[in-house]
Amino acid sequence: MTAILYVDDDPDIREIVDMALGLDGELSVQTCGSGAEAIAVTADWTPDLILLDFMMPVLDGPATLAALRLNPALADVPVVYITARTAERDINALMATGAAGVLAKPFNPLTLASECRQFLP
């Protein structure tokens, strides 16, 4: 079973991602509503992939990614931003933070699992 952590401050989008990825019987999903919650959850659990919203209050995506990378167990876990900011300069800036990729919002719930698989080791 492949474990995915999805971090987004919007509860409706978290629910959609949970359902979309849950349709794939080989994926298990845990969601968090903030960067701080993601840091706490990953203190004793290591997902195979982290999907991270770019724009969140308090700790945005890049700040959350930087904090997650302080945990040695997460050093090699691919992190993919999910964001509506998909201009080339935005994608380049996000990739420069150490992300494995960027997926666009709105996303297609029917293809989200296969899009996520491309980032798995």
N, C-alpha and C. Protein backbone atom coordinates (compact mmCIF):
# COMPACT_ATOMS: atom_id res chain seq x y z
N MET A 1 0.85 -1.18 0.00
CA MET A 1 0.00 0.00 0.00
C MET A 1 0.89 1.24 0.00
N THR A 2 0.61 2.17 -0.88
CA THR A 2 1.34 3.42 -0.98
C THR A 2 0.64 4.49 -0.15
N ALA A 3 1.38 5.11 0.74
CA ALA A 3 0.82 6.12 1.64
C ALA A 3 1.06 7.52 1.09
N ILE A 4 -0.01 8.29 1.00
CA ILE A 4 0.06 9.66 0.51
C ILE A 4 -0.47 10.61 1.59
N LEU A 5 0.27 11.68 1.81
CA LEU A 5 -0.18 12.76 2.70
C LEU A 5 -0.62 13.92 1.82
N TYR A 6 -1.85 14.39 2.04
CA TYR A 6 -2.34 15.57 1.31
C TYR A 6 -2.57 16.70 2.30
N VAL A 7 -1.95 17.85 2.04
CA VAL A 7 -2.02 19.00 2.94
C VAL A 7 -2.68 20.16 2.21
N ASP A 8 -3.83 20.60 2.74
CA ASP A 8 -4.57 21.71 2.12
C ASP A 8 -5.47 22.31 3.18
N ASP A 9 -5.56 23.63 3.22
CA ASP A 9 -6.40 24.29 4.21
C ASP A 9 -7.88 24.25 3.86
N ASP A 10 -8.24 23.86 2.65
CA ASP A 10 -9.64 23.82 2.21
C ASP A 10 -10.22 22.43 2.47
N PRO A 11 -11.17 22.31 3.40
CA PRO A 11 -11.73 20.99 3.74
C PRO A 11 -12.45 20.32 2.57
N ASP A 12 -13.08 21.10 1.70
CA ASP A 12 -13.78 20.51 0.56
C ASP A 12 -12.79 19.86 -0.42
N ILE A 13 -11.68 20.53 -0.67
CA ILE A 13 -10.69 19.97 -1.58
C ILE A 13 -10.03 18.75 -0.94
N ARG A 14 -9.78 18.80 0.38
CA ARG A 14 -9.23 17.63 1.06
C ARG A 14 -10.15 16.43 0.89
N GLU A 15 -11.44 16.65 1.01
CA GLU A 15 -12.41 15.55 0.86
C GLU A 15 -12.40 15.00 -0.57
N ILE A 16 -12.33 15.88 -1.56
CA ILE A 16 -12.31 15.44 -2.96
C ILE A 16 -11.04 14.62 -3.24
N VAL A 17 -9.90 15.10 -2.76
CA VAL A 17 -8.65 14.37 -2.97
C VAL A 17 -8.70 13.02 -2.26
N ASP A 18 -9.21 13.00 -1.05
CA ASP A 18 -9.33 11.75 -0.30
C ASP A 18 -10.18 10.74 -1.07
N MET A 19 -11.31 11.19 -1.59
CA MET A 19 -12.18 10.29 -2.36
C MET A 19 -11.53 9.87 -3.67
N ALA A 20 -10.92 10.83 -4.37
CA ALA A 20 -10.32 10.55 -5.68
C ALA A 20 -9.19 9.52 -5.55
N LEU A 21 -8.31 9.72 -4.59
CA LEU A 21 -7.20 8.79 -4.41
C LEU A 21 -7.66 7.49 -3.77
N GLY A 22 -8.72 7.57 -2.99
CA GLY A 22 -9.27 6.38 -2.35
C GLY A 22 -9.87 5.39 -3.34
N LEU A 23 -10.18 5.86 -4.55
CA LEU A 23 -10.70 4.96 -5.58
C LEU A 23 -9.65 3.97 -6.04
N ASP A 24 -8.39 4.29 -5.83
CA ASP A 24 -7.28 3.40 -6.18
C ASP A 24 -6.99 2.53 -4.96
N GLY A 25 -7.25 1.27 -5.07
CA GLY A 25 -7.10 0.35 -3.95
C GLY A 25 -5.68 0.18 -3.45
N GLU A 26 -4.70 0.69 -4.18
CA GLU A 26 -3.30 0.57 -3.76
C GLU A 26 -2.79 1.82 -3.07
N LEU A 27 -3.65 2.83 -2.92
CA LEU A 27 -3.25 4.08 -2.27
C LEU A 27 -4.01 4.27 -0.98
N SER A 28 -3.31 4.70 0.04
CA SER A 28 -3.98 5.13 1.28
C SER A 28 -3.65 6.61 1.46
N VAL A 29 -4.62 7.37 1.93
CA VAL A 29 -4.47 8.82 2.01
C VAL A 29 -4.72 9.29 3.43
N GLN A 30 -3.85 10.17 3.89
CA GLN A 30 -4.08 10.89 5.13
C GLN A 30 -4.07 12.36 4.77
N THR A 31 -5.01 13.12 5.31
CA THR A 31 -5.08 14.54 4.99
C THR A 31 -4.77 15.38 6.24
N CYS A 32 -4.25 16.57 5.98
CA CYS A 32 -3.99 17.55 7.02
C CYS A 32 -4.49 18.91 6.55
N GLY A 33 -4.96 19.72 7.48
CA GLY A 33 -5.51 21.01 7.14
C GLY A 33 -4.54 22.17 7.23
N SER A 34 -3.29 21.88 7.62
CA SER A 34 -2.30 22.97 7.73
C SER A 34 -0.90 22.39 7.66
N GLY A 35 0.04 23.28 7.41
CA GLY A 35 1.44 22.86 7.42
C GLY A 35 1.86 22.38 8.80
N ALA A 36 1.42 23.06 9.85
CA ALA A 36 1.78 22.65 11.21
C ALA A 36 1.26 21.25 11.51
N GLU A 37 0.05 20.96 11.07
CA GLU A 37 -0.51 19.62 11.27
C GLU A 37 0.30 18.57 10.51
N ALA A 38 0.73 18.90 9.30
CA ALA A 38 1.54 17.97 8.51
C ALA A 38 2.87 17.69 9.20
N ILE A 39 3.48 18.70 9.76
CA ILE A 39 4.75 18.53 10.47
C ILE A 39 4.54 17.61 11.67
N ALA A 40 3.45 17.81 12.39
CA ALA A 40 3.16 16.97 13.56
C ALA A 40 2.90 15.52 13.15
N VAL A 41 2.12 15.32 12.10
CA VAL A 41 1.77 13.97 11.66
C VAL A 41 3.00 13.21 11.18
N THR A 42 3.90 13.89 10.50
CA THR A 42 5.07 13.22 9.94
C THR A 42 6.21 13.06 10.95
N ALA A 43 6.00 13.52 12.17
CA ALA A 43 7.02 13.32 13.20
C ALA A 43 7.21 11.83 13.49
N ASP A 44 6.14 11.04 13.33
CA ASP A 44 6.24 9.60 13.60
C ASP A 44 5.61 8.75 12.49
N TRP A 45 5.49 9.31 11.31
CA TRP A 45 4.94 8.57 10.16
C TRP A 45 5.58 9.12 8.89
N THR A 46 6.00 8.24 8.02
CA THR A 46 6.64 8.66 6.78
C THR A 46 5.81 8.22 5.58
N PRO A 47 5.16 9.17 4.90
CA PRO A 47 4.41 8.81 3.70
C PRO A 47 5.36 8.55 2.53
N ASP A 48 4.82 7.95 1.48
CA ASP A 48 5.60 7.70 0.27
C ASP A 48 5.59 8.91 -0.67
N LEU A 49 4.58 9.77 -0.50
CA LEU A 49 4.41 10.95 -1.34
C LEU A 49 3.66 12.00 -0.54
N ILE A 50 4.06 13.25 -0.70
CA ILE A 50 3.36 14.37 -0.05
C ILE A 50 2.83 15.28 -1.13
N LEU A 51 1.52 15.53 -1.09
CA LEU A 51 0.87 16.50 -1.97
C LEU A 51 0.60 17.73 -1.12
N LEU A 52 1.05 18.89 -1.59
CA LEU A 52 1.08 20.08 -0.75
C LEU A 52 0.46 21.27 -1.47
N ASP A 53 -0.54 21.87 -0.84
CA ASP A 53 -1.12 23.09 -1.36
C ASP A 53 -0.08 24.21 -1.26
N PHE A 54 -0.06 25.07 -2.26
CA PHE A 54 0.91 26.17 -2.27
C PHE A 54 0.47 27.30 -1.35
N MET A 55 -0.80 27.72 -1.46
CA MET A 55 -1.28 28.88 -0.71
C MET A 55 -2.09 28.44 0.50
N MET A 56 -1.48 28.56 1.67
CA MET A 56 -2.15 28.25 2.94
C MET A 56 -1.78 29.34 3.94
N PRO A 57 -2.65 29.61 4.89
CA PRO A 57 -2.32 30.60 5.91
C PRO A 57 -1.26 30.07 6.88
N VAL A 58 -0.60 30.96 7.55
CA VAL A 58 0.44 30.72 8.55
C VAL A 58 1.68 30.10 7.89
N LEU A 59 1.65 28.81 7.57
CA LEU A 59 2.75 28.16 6.85
C LEU A 59 2.27 27.86 5.44
N ASP A 60 2.80 28.57 4.47
CA ASP A 60 2.41 28.26 3.09
C ASP A 60 3.14 26.99 2.65
N GLY A 61 2.93 26.59 1.42
CA GLY A 61 3.54 25.36 0.92
C GLY A 61 5.06 25.36 1.02
N PRO A 62 5.75 26.37 0.50
CA PRO A 62 7.21 26.37 0.59
C PRO A 62 7.74 26.35 2.03
N ALA A 63 7.10 27.08 2.93
CA ALA A 63 7.53 27.05 4.34
C ALA A 63 7.29 25.68 4.95
N THR A 64 6.18 25.07 4.59
CA THR A 64 5.89 23.72 5.08
C THR A 64 6.91 22.73 4.55
N LEU A 65 7.22 22.82 3.26
CA LEU A 65 8.22 21.93 2.67
C LEU A 65 9.56 22.09 3.37
N ALA A 66 9.98 23.32 3.61
CA ALA A 66 11.26 23.55 4.29
C ALA A 66 11.26 22.91 5.68
N ALA A 67 10.16 23.04 6.40
CA ALA A 67 10.07 22.44 7.74
C ALA A 67 10.05 20.92 7.66
N LEU A 68 9.34 20.37 6.68
CA LEU A 68 9.30 18.91 6.53
C LEU A 68 10.69 18.36 6.21
N ARG A 69 11.47 19.06 5.44
CA ARG A 69 12.80 18.59 5.05
C ARG A 69 13.78 18.56 6.23
N LEU A 70 13.43 19.22 7.34
CA LEU A 70 14.27 19.15 8.54
C LEU A 70 14.20 17.77 9.19
N ASN A 71 13.17 17.00 8.87
CA ASN A 71 13.01 15.64 9.37
C ASN A 71 13.79 14.70 8.44
N PRO A 72 14.86 14.08 8.92
CA PRO A 72 15.67 13.22 8.06
C PRO A 72 14.89 12.10 7.38
N ALA A 73 13.83 11.62 8.01
CA ALA A 73 13.02 10.54 7.43
C ALA A 73 12.27 11.00 6.18
N LEU A 74 12.12 12.31 6.03
CA LEU A 74 11.38 12.86 4.90
C LEU A 74 12.28 13.42 3.80
N ALA A 75 13.57 13.31 4.00
CA ALA A 75 14.53 13.93 3.07
C ALA A 75 14.34 13.49 1.63
N ASP A 76 13.98 12.23 1.42
CA ASP A 76 13.85 11.72 0.05
C ASP A 76 12.41 11.49 -0.39
N VAL A 77 11.45 11.89 0.44
CA VAL A 77 10.05 11.73 0.07
C VAL A 77 9.69 12.79 -0.97
N PRO A 78 9.18 12.36 -2.13
CA PRO A 78 8.80 13.37 -3.13
C PRO A 78 7.63 14.23 -2.64
N VAL A 79 7.76 15.52 -2.89
CA VAL A 79 6.71 16.48 -2.55
C VAL A 79 6.25 17.13 -3.84
N VAL A 80 4.93 17.13 -4.04
CA VAL A 80 4.33 17.70 -5.24
C VAL A 80 3.35 18.78 -4.81
N TYR A 81 3.52 19.97 -5.35
CA TYR A 81 2.58 21.05 -5.07
C TYR A 81 1.32 20.85 -5.91
N ILE A 82 0.18 21.14 -5.31
CA ILE A 82 -1.07 21.22 -6.05
C ILE A 82 -1.54 22.66 -5.91
N THR A 83 -1.62 23.36 -7.04
CA THR A 83 -1.88 24.80 -6.97
C THR A 83 -2.56 25.31 -8.24
N ALA A 84 -3.25 26.42 -8.07
CA ALA A 84 -3.84 27.10 -9.23
C ALA A 84 -2.81 28.01 -9.90
N ARG A 85 -1.70 28.24 -9.23
CA ARG A 85 -0.65 29.11 -9.79
C ARG A 85 0.27 28.28 -10.66
N THR A 86 -0.04 28.26 -11.94
CA THR A 86 0.69 27.38 -12.85
C THR A 86 1.35 28.13 -14.01
N ALA A 87 1.57 29.41 -13.82
CA ALA A 87 2.37 30.13 -14.82
C ALA A 87 3.79 29.57 -14.76
N GLU A 88 4.49 29.64 -15.86
CA GLU A 88 5.84 29.05 -15.92
C GLU A 88 6.75 29.56 -14.81
N ARG A 89 6.70 30.86 -14.54
CA ARG A 89 7.57 31.41 -13.49
C ARG A 89 7.19 30.88 -12.11
N ASP A 90 5.87 30.66 -11.88
CA ASP A 90 5.43 30.09 -10.61
C ASP A 90 5.90 28.65 -10.46
N ILE A 91 5.77 27.87 -11.53
CA ILE A 91 6.22 26.48 -11.50
C ILE A 91 7.72 26.41 -11.27
N ASN A 92 8.47 27.26 -11.96
CA ASN A 92 9.93 27.27 -11.78
C ASN A 92 10.30 27.63 -10.35
N ALA A 93 9.59 28.58 -9.75
CA ALA A 93 9.87 28.97 -8.36
C ALA A 93 9.55 27.83 -7.41
N LEU A 94 8.45 27.12 -7.65
CA LEU A 94 8.09 26.00 -6.78
C LEU A 94 9.08 24.85 -6.94
N MET A 95 9.49 24.58 -8.14
CA MET A 95 10.46 23.51 -8.37
C MET A 95 11.80 23.84 -7.69
N ALA A 96 12.12 25.11 -7.63
CA ALA A 96 13.36 25.54 -6.99
C ALA A 96 13.35 25.29 -5.48
N THR A 97 12.18 25.09 -4.90
CA THR A 97 12.09 24.81 -3.45
C THR A 97 12.39 23.34 -3.15
N GLY A 98 12.61 22.54 -4.19
CA GLY A 98 12.91 21.13 -3.99
C GLY A 98 11.75 20.21 -4.27
N ALA A 99 10.71 20.73 -4.88
CA ALA A 99 9.54 19.89 -5.20
C ALA A 99 9.86 18.93 -6.33
N ALA A 100 9.18 17.80 -6.32
CA ALA A 100 9.32 16.82 -7.40
C ALA A 100 8.46 17.19 -8.59
N GLY A 101 7.43 18.02 -8.34
CA GLY A 101 6.55 18.41 -9.43
C GLY A 101 5.46 19.35 -8.97
N VAL A 102 4.63 19.75 -9.93
CA VAL A 102 3.51 20.65 -9.68
C VAL A 102 2.31 20.11 -10.45
N LEU A 103 1.19 19.96 -9.76
CA LEU A 103 -0.07 19.58 -10.39
C LEU A 103 -1.02 20.77 -10.31
N ALA A 104 -1.78 20.97 -11.38
CA ALA A 104 -2.66 22.13 -11.46
C ALA A 104 -4.00 21.90 -10.77
N LYS A 105 -4.48 22.94 -10.10
CA LYS A 105 -5.86 23.02 -9.62
C LYS A 105 -6.58 23.89 -10.61
N PRO A 106 -7.77 23.59 -10.99
CA PRO A 106 -8.49 22.39 -10.58
C PRO A 106 -7.91 21.16 -11.26
N PHE A 107 -7.96 20.05 -10.57
CA PHE A 107 -7.45 18.79 -11.09
C PHE A 107 -8.64 17.90 -11.45
N ASN A 108 -8.37 16.88 -12.23
CA ASN A 108 -9.40 15.92 -12.60
C ASN A 108 -9.36 14.80 -11.57
N PRO A 109 -10.41 14.64 -10.75
CA PRO A 109 -10.41 13.59 -9.73
C PRO A 109 -10.24 12.18 -10.31
N LEU A 110 -10.66 11.99 -11.54
CA LEU A 110 -10.58 10.66 -12.14
C LEU A 110 -9.16 10.29 -12.59
N THR A 111 -8.32 11.29 -12.78
CA THR A 111 -6.94 11.01 -13.21
C THR A 111 -5.90 11.37 -12.14
N LEU A 112 -6.34 11.86 -11.00
CA LEU A 112 -5.40 12.31 -9.98
C LEU A 112 -4.49 11.17 -9.50
N ALA A 113 -5.03 10.00 -9.29
CA ALA A 113 -4.20 8.88 -8.81
C ALA A 113 -3.09 8.57 -9.81
N SER A 114 -3.42 8.50 -11.08
CA SER A 114 -2.39 8.18 -12.07
C SER A 114 -1.38 9.32 -12.19
N GLU A 115 -1.82 10.56 -12.03
CA GLU A 115 -0.88 11.69 -12.06
C GLU A 115 0.07 11.62 -10.87
N CYS A 116 -0.44 11.21 -9.72
CA CYS A 116 0.41 11.09 -8.52
C CYS A 116 1.43 9.97 -8.68
N ARG A 117 1.04 8.89 -9.31
CA ARG A 117 1.93 7.73 -9.47
C ARG A 117 3.24 8.09 -10.19
N GLN A 118 3.19 9.08 -11.07
CA GLN A 118 4.41 9.43 -11.80
C GLN A 118 5.51 9.96 -10.89
N PHE A 119 5.15 10.37 -9.69
CA PHE A 119 6.13 10.93 -8.76
C PHE A 119 6.62 9.94 -7.72
N LEU A 120 6.06 8.75 -7.72
CA LEU A 120 6.45 7.73 -6.75
C LEU A 120 7.77 7.08 -7.16
N PRO A 121 8.59 6.76 -6.17
CA PRO A 121 9.88 6.13 -6.49
C PRO A 121 9.69 4.73 -7.09
